[in-house]
PDB file of N, CA and C in Angstrom:
ATOM      1  N   ARG A   1      -2.331 112.495 167.421  1.00  0.00           N
ATOM      2  CA  ARG A   1      -1.437 111.519 167.719  1.00  0.00           C
ATOM      3  C   ARG A   1      -0.431 112.108 168.533  1.00  0.00           C
ATOM      4  N   ASP A   2      -0.065 111.313 169.591  1.00  0.00           N
ATOM      5  CA  ASP A   2       1.088 111.640 170.388  1.00  0.00           C
ATOM      6  C   ASP A   2       2.202 110.705 170.119  1.00  0.00           C
ATOM      7  N   GLU A   3       3.411 110.763 170.855  1.00  0.00           N
ATOM      8  CA  GLU A   3       4.561 109.922 170.334  1.00  0.00           C
ATOM      9  C   GLU A   3       4.463 108.506 170.388  1.00  0.00           C
ATOM     10  N   HIS A   4       3.366 107.890 171.096  1.00  0.00           N
ATOM     11  CA  HIS A   4       3.010 106.680 171.114  1.00  0.00           C
ATOM     12  C   HIS A   4       2.322 105.932 169.967  1.00  0.00           C
ATOM     13  N   THR A   5       2.563 105.134 169.481  1.00  0.00           N
ATOM     14  CA  THR A   5       1.990 104.554 168.401  1.00  0.00           C
ATOM     15  C   THR A   5       1.008 103.299 168.681  1.00  0.00           C
ATOM     16  N   ILE A   6       1.460 102.337 169.400  1.00  0.00           N
ATOM     17  CA  ILE A   6       0.660 101.372 170.045  1.00  0.00           C
ATOM     18  C   ILE A   6       1.170 100.887 171.402  1.00  0.00           C
ATOM     19  N   SER A   7       0.119 100.171 172.014  1.00  0.00           N
ATOM     20  CA  SER A   7       0.579  99.498 173.169  1.00  0.00           C
ATOM     21  C   SER A   7       0.726  98.047 172.674  1.00  0.00           C
ATOM     22  N   ARG A   8       1.611  97.369 172.661  1.00  0.00           N
ATOM     23  CA  ARG A   8       1.727  95.932 172.427  1.00  0.00           C
ATOM     24  C   ARG A   8       1.114  95.279 173.416  1.00  0.00           C
ATOM     25  N   ARG A   9       0.238  94.228 172.982  1.00  0.00           N
ATOM     26  CA  ARG A   9      -0.302  93.255 173.701  1.00  0.00           C
ATOM     27  C   ARG A   9       0.224  91.831 173.727  1.00  0.00           C
ATOM     28  N   CYS A  10       0.941  91.554 172.964  1.00  0.00           N
ATOM     29  CA  CYS A  10       2.018  90.331 172.870  1.00  0.00           C
ATOM     30  C   CYS A  10       3.331  90.310 172.818  1.00  0.00           C
ATOM     31  N   GLY A  11       3.996  89.487 173.027  1.00  0.00           N
ATOM     32  CA  GLY A  11       5.560  89.526 173.156  1.00  0.00           C
ATOM     33  C   GLY A  11       5.854  87.978 173.122  1.00  0.00           C
ATOM     34  N   CYS A  12       7.211  87.977 173.123  1.00  0.00           N
ATOM     35  CA  CYS A  12       7.947  86.621 173.125  1.00  0.00           C
ATOM     36  C   CYS A  12       8.450  86.249 174.486  1.00  0.00           C
ATOM     37  N   SER A  13       8.366  84.999 174.782  1.00  0.00           N
ATOM     38  CA  SER A  13       8.840  84.353 176.167  1.00  0.00           C
ATOM     39  C   SER A  13       8.942  82.942 175.841  1.00  0.00           C
ATOM     40  N   GLY A  14       9.755  82.352 176.919  1.00  0.00           N
ATOM     41  CA  GLY A  14      10.020  80.874 176.930  1.00  0.00           C
ATOM     42  C   GLY A  14       8.626  80.197 176.982  1.00  0.00           C
ATOM     43  N   ARG A  15       8.703  79.091 176.556  1.00  0.00           N
ATOM     44  CA  ARG A  15       7.404  78.260 176.519  1.00  0.00           C
ATOM     45  C   ARG A  15       6.869  77.816 178.069  1.00  0.00           C
ATOM     46  N   GLY A  16       5.722  78.228 178.373  1.00  0.00           N
ATOM     47  CA  GLY A  16       5.268  77.833 179.420  1.00  0.00           C
ATOM     48  C   GLY A  16       5.502  79.258 180.539  1.00  0.00           C
ATOM     49  N   THR A  17       6.138  80.241 180.022  1.00  0.00           N
ATOM     50  CA  THR A  17       6.637  81.389 180.764  1.00  0.00           C
ATOM     51  C   THR A  17       5.836  82.582 180.602  1.00  0.00           C
ATOM     52  N   ARG A  18       5.298  83.305 181.482  1.00  0.00           N
ATOM     53  CA  ARG A  18       4.372  84.454 180.962  1.00  0.00           C
ATOM     54  C   ARG A  18       5.213  85.619 180.565  1.00  0.00           C
ATOM     55  N   CYS A  19       5.006  86.427 179.603  1.00  0.00           N
ATOM     56  CA  CYS A  19       5.652  87.444 179.050  1.00  0.00           C
ATOM     57  C   CYS A  19       5.283  88.595 180.068  1.00  0.00           C
ATOM     58  N   ALA A  20       6.545  89.038 180.739  1.00  0.00           N
ATOM     59  CA  ALA A  20       6.249  89.994 181.780  1.00  0.00           C
ATOM     60  C   ALA A  20       6.535  91.454 181.308  1.00  0.00           C
ATOM     61  N   VAL A  21       7.065  91.666 180.641  1.00  0.00           N
ATOM     62  CA  VAL A  21       7.741  93.051 180.245  1.00  0.00           C
ATOM     63  C   VAL A  21       6.801  93.753 179.214  1.00  0.00           C
ATOM     64  N   GLN A  22       6.192  94.787 179.683  1.00  0.00           N
ATOM     65  CA  GLN A  22       5.365  95.724 178.661  1.00  0.00           C
ATOM     66  C   GLN A  22       6.130  97.058 178.641  1.00  0.00           C
ATOM     67  N   ARG A  23       6.373  97.357 177.276  1.00  0.00           N
ATOM     68  CA  ARG A  23       6.750  98.583 176.963  1.00  0.00           C
ATOM     69  C   ARG A  23       5.755  99.137 175.807  1.00  0.00           C
ATOM     70  N   ARG A  24       5.842 100.420 175.843  1.00  0.00           N
ATOM     71  CA  ARG A  24       5.181 101.212 174.790  1.00  0.00           C
ATOM     72  C   ARG A  24       6.187 101.400 173.521  1.00  0.00           C
ATOM     73  N   PHE A  25       5.323 101.192 172.269  1.00  0.00           N
ATOM     74  CA  PHE A  25       6.237 101.450 170.995  1.00  0.00           C
ATOM     75  C   PHE A  25       6.361 103.047 171.052  1.00  0.00           C
ATOM     76  N   VAL A  26       7.518 103.473 170.809  1.00  0.00           N
ATOM     77  CA  VAL A  26       7.799 104.969 170.725  1.00  0.00           C
ATOM     78  C   VAL A  26       7.809 105.379 169.252  1.00  0.00           C
ATOM     79  N   ARG A  27       6.996 106.386 168.727  1.00  0.00           N
ATOM     80  CA  ARG A  27       7.195 106.776 167.574  1.00  0.00           C
ATOM     81  C   ARG A  27       8.591 107.669 167.199  1.00  0.00           C
ATOM     82  N   GLY A  28       9.136 107.580 166.277  1.00  0.00           N
ATOM     83  CA  GLY A  28      10.420 108.221 166.069  1.00  0.00           C
ATOM     84  C   GLY A  28      10.571 108.459 164.569  1.00  0.00           C
ATOM     85  N   THR A  29      11.727 108.751 164.187  1.00  0.00           N
ATOM     86  CA  THR A  29      11.935 109.284 162.987  1.00  0.00           C
ATOM     87  C   THR A  29      12.145 108.033 161.956  1.00  0.00           C
ATOM     88  N   GLN A  30      11.354 108.068 160.889  1.00  0.00           N
ATOM     89  CA  GLN A  30      11.329 106.751 159.888  1.00  0.00           C
ATOM     90  C   GLN A  30      12.094 107.100 158.759  1.00  0.00           C
ATOM     91  N   TYR A  31      12.795 106.083 158.355  1.00  0.00           N
ATOM     92  CA  TYR A  31      13.656 105.985 157.230  1.00  0.00           C
ATOM     93  C   TYR A  31      13.524 105.072 156.144  1.00  0.00           C
ATOM     94  N   SER A  32      13.568 105.336 154.773  1.00  0.00           N
ATOM     95  CA  SER A  32      13.494 104.403 153.809  1.00  0.00           C
ATOM     96  C   SER A  32      14.795 104.310 153.264  1.00  0.00           C
ATOM     97  N   ILE A  33      14.991 102.969 152.586  1.00  0.00           N
ATOM     98  CA  ILE A  33      16.176 102.889 151.669  1.00  0.00           C
ATOM     99  C   ILE A  33      15.723 102.520 150.306  1.00  0.00           C
ATOM    100  N   ILE A  34      16.492 102.820 149.338  1.00  0.00           N
ATOM    101  CA  ILE A  34      16.268 102.316 147.882  1.00  0.00           C
ATOM    102  C   ILE A  34      17.578 101.917 147.745  1.00  0.00           C
ATOM    103  N   LEU A  35      17.640 100.548 147.053  1.00  0.00           N
ATOM    104  CA  LEU A  35      18.732 100.050 146.970  1.00  0.00           C
ATOM    105  C   LEU A  35      18.949  99.325 145.506  1.00  0.00           C
ATOM    106  N   ALA A  36      20.210  99.480 144.764  1.00  0.00           N
ATOM    107  CA  ALA A  36      20.402  98.764 143.508  1.00  0.00           C
ATOM    108  C   ALA A  36      21.530  97.781 143.775  1.00  0.00           C
ATOM    109  N   ILE A  37      21.311  96.468 143.561  1.00  0.00           N
ATOM    110  CA  ILE A  37      22.301  95.481 143.691  1.00  0.00           C
ATOM    111  C   ILE A  37      22.446  94.684 142.606  1.00  0.00           C
ATOM    112  N   THR A  38      23.562  93.979 142.406  1.00  0.00           N
ATOM    113  CA  THR A  38      23.850  92.984 141.382  1.00  0.00           C
ATOM    114  C   THR A  38      24.313  91.673 142.175  1.00  0.00           C
ATOM    115  N   LEU A  39      24.541  90.612 141.305  1.00  0.00           N
ATOM    116  CA  LEU A  39      25.160  89.308 141.963  1.00  0.00           C
ATOM    117  C   LEU A  39      26.630  89.654 142.550  1.00  0.00           C
ATOM    118  N   ASP A  40      27.079  90.852 142.195  1.00  0.00           N
ATOM    119  CA  ASP A  40      28.443  91.221 142.851  1.00  0.00           C
ATOM    120  C   ASP A  40      28.240  92.030 143.956  1.00  0.00           C
ATOM    121  N   GLY A  41      27.093  92.713 144.281  1.00  0.00           N
ATOM    122  CA  GLY A  41      26.977  93.334 145.616  1.00  0.00           C
ATOM    123  C   GLY A  41      26.263  94.674 145.264  1.00  0.00           C
ATOM    124  N   ILE A  42      26.561  95.610 146.090  1.00  0.00           N
ATOM    125  CA  ILE A  42      25.561  96.912 145.854  1.00  0.00           C
ATOM    126  C   ILE A  42      26.335  97.677 144.872  1.00  0.00           C
ATOM    127  N   ILE A  43      25.369  98.225 143.940  1.00  0.00           N
ATOM    128  CA  ILE A  43      25.733  99.397 143.280  1.00  0.00           C
ATOM    129  C   ILE A  43      25.575 100.692 143.774  1.00  0.00           C
ATOM    130  N   THR A  44      24.491 100.857 144.090  1.00  0.00           N
ATOM    131  CA  THR A  44      24.064 102.359 144.830  1.00  0.00           C
ATOM    132  C   THR A  44      22.920 102.215 145.690  1.00  0.00           C
ATOM    133  N   TYR A  45      22.964 103.168 146.614  1.00  0.00           N
ATOM    134  CA  TYR A  45      21.673 103.251 147.478  1.00  0.00           C
ATOM    135  C   TYR A  45      21.515 104.477 147.987  1.00  0.00           C
ATOM    136  N   ASN A  46      20.370 104.652 148.529  1.00  0.00           N
ATOM    137  CA  ASN A  46      19.884 106.123 149.171  1.00  0.00           C
ATOM    138  C   ASN A  46      19.078 105.745 150.335  1.00  0.00           C
ATOM    139  N   ILE A  47      19.339 106.360 151.380  1.00  0.00           N
ATOM    140  CA  ILE A  47      18.517 106.461 152.540  1.00  0.00           C
ATOM    141  C   ILE A  47      18.125 107.852 152.703  1.00  0.00           C
ATOM    142  N   VAL A  48      16.767 107.718 153.017  1.00  0.00           N
ATOM    143  CA  VAL A  48      15.934 108.987 153.117  1.00  0.00           C
ATOM    144  C   VAL A  48      15.256 109.237 154.237  1.00  0.00           C
ATOM    145  N   GLU A  49      15.007 110.343 154.860  1.00  0.00           N
ATOM    146  CA  GLU A  49      14.043 110.358 156.006  1.00  0.00           C
ATOM    147  C   GLU A  49      12.446 110.361 155.504  1.00  0.00           C
ATOM    148  N   GLY A  50      11.845 109.694 156.093  1.00  0.00           N
ATOM    149  CA  GLY A  50      10.553 109.593 155.583  1.00  0.00           C
ATOM    150  C   GLY A  50      10.093 108.595 154.453  1.00  0.00           C
ATOM    151  N   THR A  51       9.117 108.834 153.689  1.00  0.00           N
ATOM    152  CA  THR A  51       8.896 107.510 152.722  1.00  0.00           C
ATOM    153  C   THR A  51       9.433 108.276 151.340  1.00  0.00           C
ATOM    154  N   VAL A  52       9.386 107.189 150.504  1.00  0.00           N
ATOM    155  CA  VAL A  52       9.918 107.616 149.070  1.00  0.00           C
ATOM    156  C   VAL A  52       8.718 107.656 148.157  1.00  0.00           C
ATOM    157  N   ASP A  53       8.729 108.792 147.296  1.00  0.00           N
ATOM    158  CA  ASP A  53       7.619 108.863 146.612  1.00  0.00           C
ATOM    159  C   ASP A  53       8.041 108.686 145.050  1.00  0.00           C
ATOM    160  N   THR A  54       7.193 108.770 144.172  1.00  0.00           N
ATOM    161  CA  THR A  54       7.435 108.402 142.798  1.00  0.00           C
ATOM    162  C   THR A  54       8.610 109.516 142.171  1.00  0.00           C
ATOM    163  N   GLU A  55       8.501 110.761 142.675  1.00  0.00           N
ATOM    164  CA  GLU A  55       9.479 111.533 142.064  1.00  0.00           C
ATOM    165  C   GLU A  55      10.798 111.260 142.594  1.00  0.00           C
ATOM    166  N   ARG A  56      10.922 110.829 143.796  1.00  0.00           N
ATOM    167  CA  ARG A  56      12.349 110.543 144.266  1.00  0.00           C
ATOM    168  C   ARG A  56      12.941 109.102 143.918  1.00  0.00           C
ATOM    169  N   PHE A  57      11.909 108.176 143.531  1.00  0.00           N
ATOM    170  CA  PHE A  57      12.438 107.008 142.987  1.00  0.00           C
ATOM    171  C   PHE A  57      12.840 107.335 141.486  1.00  0.00           C
ATOM    172  N   LEU A  58      12.133 108.092 140.776  1.00  0.00           N
ATOM    173  CA  LEU A  58      12.483 108.340 139.511  1.00  0.00           C
ATOM    174  C   LEU A  58      13.879 109.080 139.408  1.00  0.00           C
ATOM    175  N   LYS A  59      14.214 109.889 140.211  1.00  0.00           N
ATOM    176  CA  LYS A  59      15.566 110.525 140.356  1.00  0.00           C
ATOM    177  C   LYS A  59      16.606 109.691 140.763  1.00  0.00           C
ATOM    178  N   PHE A  60      16.365 108.732 141.793  1.00  0.00           N
ATOM    179  CA  PHE A  60      17.187 107.570 142.034  1.00  0.00           C
ATOM    180  C   PHE A  60      17.617 106.737 140.924  1.00  0.00           C
ATOM    181  N   LEU A  61      16.520 106.379 140.086  1.00  0.00           N
ATOM    182  CA  LEU A  61      16.667 105.596 138.811  1.00  0.00           C
ATOM    183  C   LEU A  61      17.528 106.320 137.901  1.00  0.00           C
ATOM    184  N   LYS A  62      17.384 107.603 137.457  1.00  0.00           N
ATOM    185  CA  LYS A  62      17.852 108.493 136.489  1.00  0.00           C
ATOM    186  C   LYS A  62      19.156 108.649 136.790  1.00  0.00           C
ATOM    187  N   GLU A  63      19.541 109.101 137.970  1.00  0.00           N
ATOM    188  CA  GLU A  63      20.835 109.465 138.509  1.00  0.00           C
ATOM    189  C   GLU A  63      21.709 108.563 139.125  1.00  0.00           C
ATOM    190  N   GLN A  64      21.318 107.575 139.414  1.00  0.00           N
ATOM    191  CA  GLN A  64      21.958 106.605 140.457  1.00  0.00           C
ATOM    192  C   GLN A  64      22.096 105.167 139.822  1.00  0.00           C
ATOM    193  N   VAL A  65      20.953 104.742 138.875  1.00  0.00           N
ATOM    194  CA  VAL A  65      20.872 103.398 138.533  1.00  0.00           C
ATOM    195  C   VAL A  65      21.058 103.276 137.088  1.00  0.00           C
ATOM    196  N   MET A  66      20.580 104.208 136.281  1.00  0.00           N
ATOM    197  CA  MET A  66      20.661 104.050 134.874  1.00  0.00           C
ATOM    198  C   MET A  66      21.932 104.196 134.315  1.00  0.00           C
ATOM    199  N   PRO A  67      22.882 105.080 134.919  1.00  0.00           N
ATOM    200  CA  PRO A  67      24.254 105.179 134.449  1.00  0.00           C
ATOM    201  C   PRO A  67      25.058 103.858 134.536  1.00  0.00           C
ATOM    202  N   PHE A  68      24.591 102.931 135.444  1.00  0.00           N
ATOM    203  CA  PHE A  68      25.173 101.546 135.618  1.00  0.00           C
ATOM    204  C   PHE A  68      24.781 100.389 134.511  1.00  0.00           C
ATOM    205  N   THR A  69      23.746 100.955 133.794  1.00  0.00           N
ATOM    206  CA  THR A  69      22.822  99.665 133.136  1.00  0.00           C
ATOM    207  C   THR A  69      23.407  99.768 131.688  1.00  0.00           C
ATOM    208  N   ASN A  70      23.171  98.576 130.924  1.00  0.00           N
ATOM    209  CA  ASN A  70      23.366  98.688 129.446  1.00  0.00           C
ATOM    210  C   ASN A  70      22.240  98.264 128.628  1.00  0.00           C
ATOM    211  N   PRO A  71      22.278  98.131 127.329  1.00  0.00           N
ATOM    212  CA  PRO A  71      21.151  97.535 126.733  1.00  0.00           C
ATOM    213  C   PRO A  71      21.119  96.049 126.876  1.00  0.00           C
ATOM    214  N   TYR A  72      19.951  95.437 126.545  1.00  0.00           N
ATOM    215  CA  TYR A  72      20.044  93.998 126.558  1.00  0.00           C
ATOM    216  C   TYR A  72      20.540  93.449 125.283  1.00  0.00           C
ATOM    217  N   PRO A  73      21.558  92.363 125.432  1.00  0.00           N
ATOM    218  CA  PRO A  73      21.695  91.305 126.565  1.00  0.00           C
ATOM    219  C   PRO A  73      22.810  91.610 127.158  1.00  0.00           C
ATOM    220  N   GLY A  74      23.281  92.868 127.367  1.00  0.00           N
ATOM    221  CA  GLY A  74      24.558  93.250 127.981  1.00  0.00           C
ATOM    222  C   GLY A  74      24.441  93.075 129.505  1.00  0.00           C
ATOM    223  N   LEU A  75      25.635  93.111 130.025  1.00  0.00           N
ATOM    224  CA  LEU A  75      25.907  93.054 131.506  1.00  0.00           C
ATOM    225  C   LEU A  75      24.840  94.187 132.239  1.00  0.00           C
ATOM    226  N   ARG A  76      24.467  93.946 133.355  1.00  0.00           N
ATOM    227  CA  ARG A  76      23.462  94.924 134.039  1.00  0.00           C
ATOM    228  C   ARG A  76      22.407  95.462 133.177  1.00  0.00           C
ATOM    229  N   SER A  77      21.882  94.794 132.249  1.00  0.00           N
ATOM    230  CA  SER A  77      20.738  95.127 131.541  1.00  0.00           C
ATOM    231  C   SER A  77      19.458  94.564 131.717  1.00  0.00           C
ATOM    232  N   ILE A  78      19.314  93.956 132.966  1.00  0.00           N
ATOM    233  CA  ILE A  78      17.960  93.599 133.603  1.00  0.00           C
ATOM    234  C   ILE A  78      17.409  94.172 134.888  1.00  0.00           C
ATOM    235  N   LEU A  79      16.323  94.862 135.052  1.00  0.00           N
ATOM    236  CA  LEU A  79      16.122  95.461 136.241  1.00  0.00           C
ATOM    237  C   LEU A  79      14.756  94.792 136.763  1.00  0.00           C
ATOM    238  N   ILE A  80      15.128  94.330 137.958  1.00  0.00           N
ATOM    239  CA  ILE A  80      14.028  93.572 138.762  1.00  0.00           C
ATOM    240  C   ILE A  80      13.526  94.570 139.885  1.00  0.00           C
ATOM    241  N   MET A  81      12.361  94.758 139.848  1.00  0.00           N
ATOM    242  CA  MET A  81      11.802  95.834 140.928  1.00  0.00           C
ATOM    243  C   MET A  81      10.644  95.108 141.578  1.00  0.00           C
ATOM    244  N   GLY A  82      10.318  95.238 142.760  1.00  0.00           N
ATOM    245  CA  GLY A  82       9.124  94.827 143.765  1.00  0.00           C
ATOM    246  C   GLY A  82       7.987  95.272 143.011  1.00  0.00           C
ATOM    247  N   ASN A  83       6.842  94.749 143.802  1.00  0.00           N
ATOM    248  CA  ASN A  83       5.586  95.179 143.428  1.00  0.00           C
ATOM    249  C   ASN A  83       4.838  96.478 143.743  1.00  0.00           C
ATOM    250  N   CYS A  84       5.855  97.381 144.077  1.00  0.00           N
ATOM    251  CA  CYS A  84       5.207  98.678 144.650  1.00  0.00           C
ATOM    252  C   CYS A  84       4.604  99.450 143.478  1.00  0.00           C
ATOM    253  N   CYS A  85       3.534 100.075 143.666  1.00  0.00           N
ATOM    254  CA  CYS A  85       2.828 100.670 142.891  1.00  0.00           C
ATOM    255  C   CYS A  85       3.648 101.889 141.945  1.00  0.00           C
ATOM    256  N   MET A  86       4.716 102.423 142.570  1.00  0.00           N
ATOM    257  CA  MET A  86       5.565 103.467 141.885  1.00  0.00           C
ATOM    258  C   MET A  86       6.332 102.808 140.825  1.00  0.00           C
ATOM    259  N   HIS A  87       6.463 101.412 140.825  1.00  0.00           N
ATOM    260  CA  HIS A  87       7.506 100.748 139.874  1.00  0.00           C
ATOM    261  C   HIS A  87       6.708 100.546 138.387  1.00  0.00           C
ATOM    262  N   HIS A  88       5.505 100.640 138.691  1.00  0.00           N
ATOM    263  CA  HIS A  88       4.579 100.423 137.459  1.00  0.00           C
ATOM    264  C   HIS A  88       4.093 101.471 136.701  1.00  0.00           C
ATOM    265  N   GLY A  89       4.700 102.719 137.190  1.00  0.00           N
ATOM    266  CA  GLY A  89       4.179 103.974 136.555  1.00  0.00           C
ATOM    267  C   GLY A  89       4.808 104.313 135.108  1.00  0.00           C
ATOM    268  N   GLU A  90       4.104 105.057 134.431  1.00  0.00           N
ATOM    269  CA  GLU A  90       4.370 105.404 132.944  1.00  0.00           C
ATOM    270  C   GLU A  90       5.814 106.072 133.013  1.00  0.00           C
ATOM    271  N   GLU A  91       6.348 106.856 133.864  1.00  0.00           N
ATOM    272  CA  GLU A  91       7.391 107.505 133.840  1.00  0.00           C
ATOM    273  C   GLU A  91       8.566 106.361 134.106  1.00  0.00           C
ATOM    274  N   VAL A  92       8.246 105.599 134.939  1.00  0.00           N
ATOM    275  CA  VAL A  92       9.275 104.541 135.213  1.00  0.00           C
ATOM    276  C   VAL A  92       9.379 103.629 133.792  1.00  0.00           C
ATOM    277  N   HIS A  93       8.512 103.405 133.163  1.00  0.00           N
ATOM    278  CA  HIS A  93       8.580 102.577 132.264  1.00  0.00           C
ATOM    279  C   HIS A  93       9.272 103.300 130.985  1.00  0.00           C
ATOM    280  N   HIS A  94       8.924 104.525 130.748  1.00  0.00           N
ATOM    281  CA  HIS A  94       9.649 105.357 129.831  1.00  0.00           C
ATOM    282  C   HIS A  94      10.941 105.543 130.043  1.00  0.00           C
ATOM    283  N   LEU A  95      11.502 105.834 131.234  1.00  0.00           N
ATOM    284  CA  LEU A  95      12.824 105.894 131.604  1.00  0.00           C
ATOM    285  C   LEU A  95      13.674 104.563 131.380  1.00  0.00           C
ATOM    286  N   VAL A  96      13.135 103.567 131.734  1.00  0.00           N
ATOM    287  CA  VAL A  96      13.816 102.324 131.489  1.00  0.00           C
ATOM    288  C   VAL A  96      13.914 101.739 130.007  1.00  0.00           C
ATOM    289  N   GLU A  97      12.854 102.171 129.311  1.00  0.00           N
ATOM    290  CA  GLU A  97      12.932 101.699 128.084  1.00  0.00           C
ATOM    291  C   GLU A  97      13.878 102.564 127.091  1.00  0.00           C
ATOM    292  N   ASN A  98      13.908 103.660 127.490  1.00  0.00           N
ATOM    293  CA  ASN A  98      14.700 104.738 126.796  1.00  0.00           C
ATOM    294  C   ASN A  98      16.232 104.552 127.285  1.00  0.00           C
TER     295      ASN A  98
END
């Protein structure tokens, strides 16, 4: 691979106007964000270069999220996570349950 990921073949323009500008999409540094929020706002977040793996996610939960949670039915006692496969792992389940 070189630094170019794709040559885009479509774009946006006004109705009836041809899209005239063609540019290459240039590969750069990728970042991921892990975020914990409540109805009151952001509790904590972590921005990392590259992707987030299960180990990094578990560390984030253990060190930055769990200290702010309480047993149910207390304040901040419910965690809602997306459908990412690392959210369904045994380690995550064990950490949250304990």
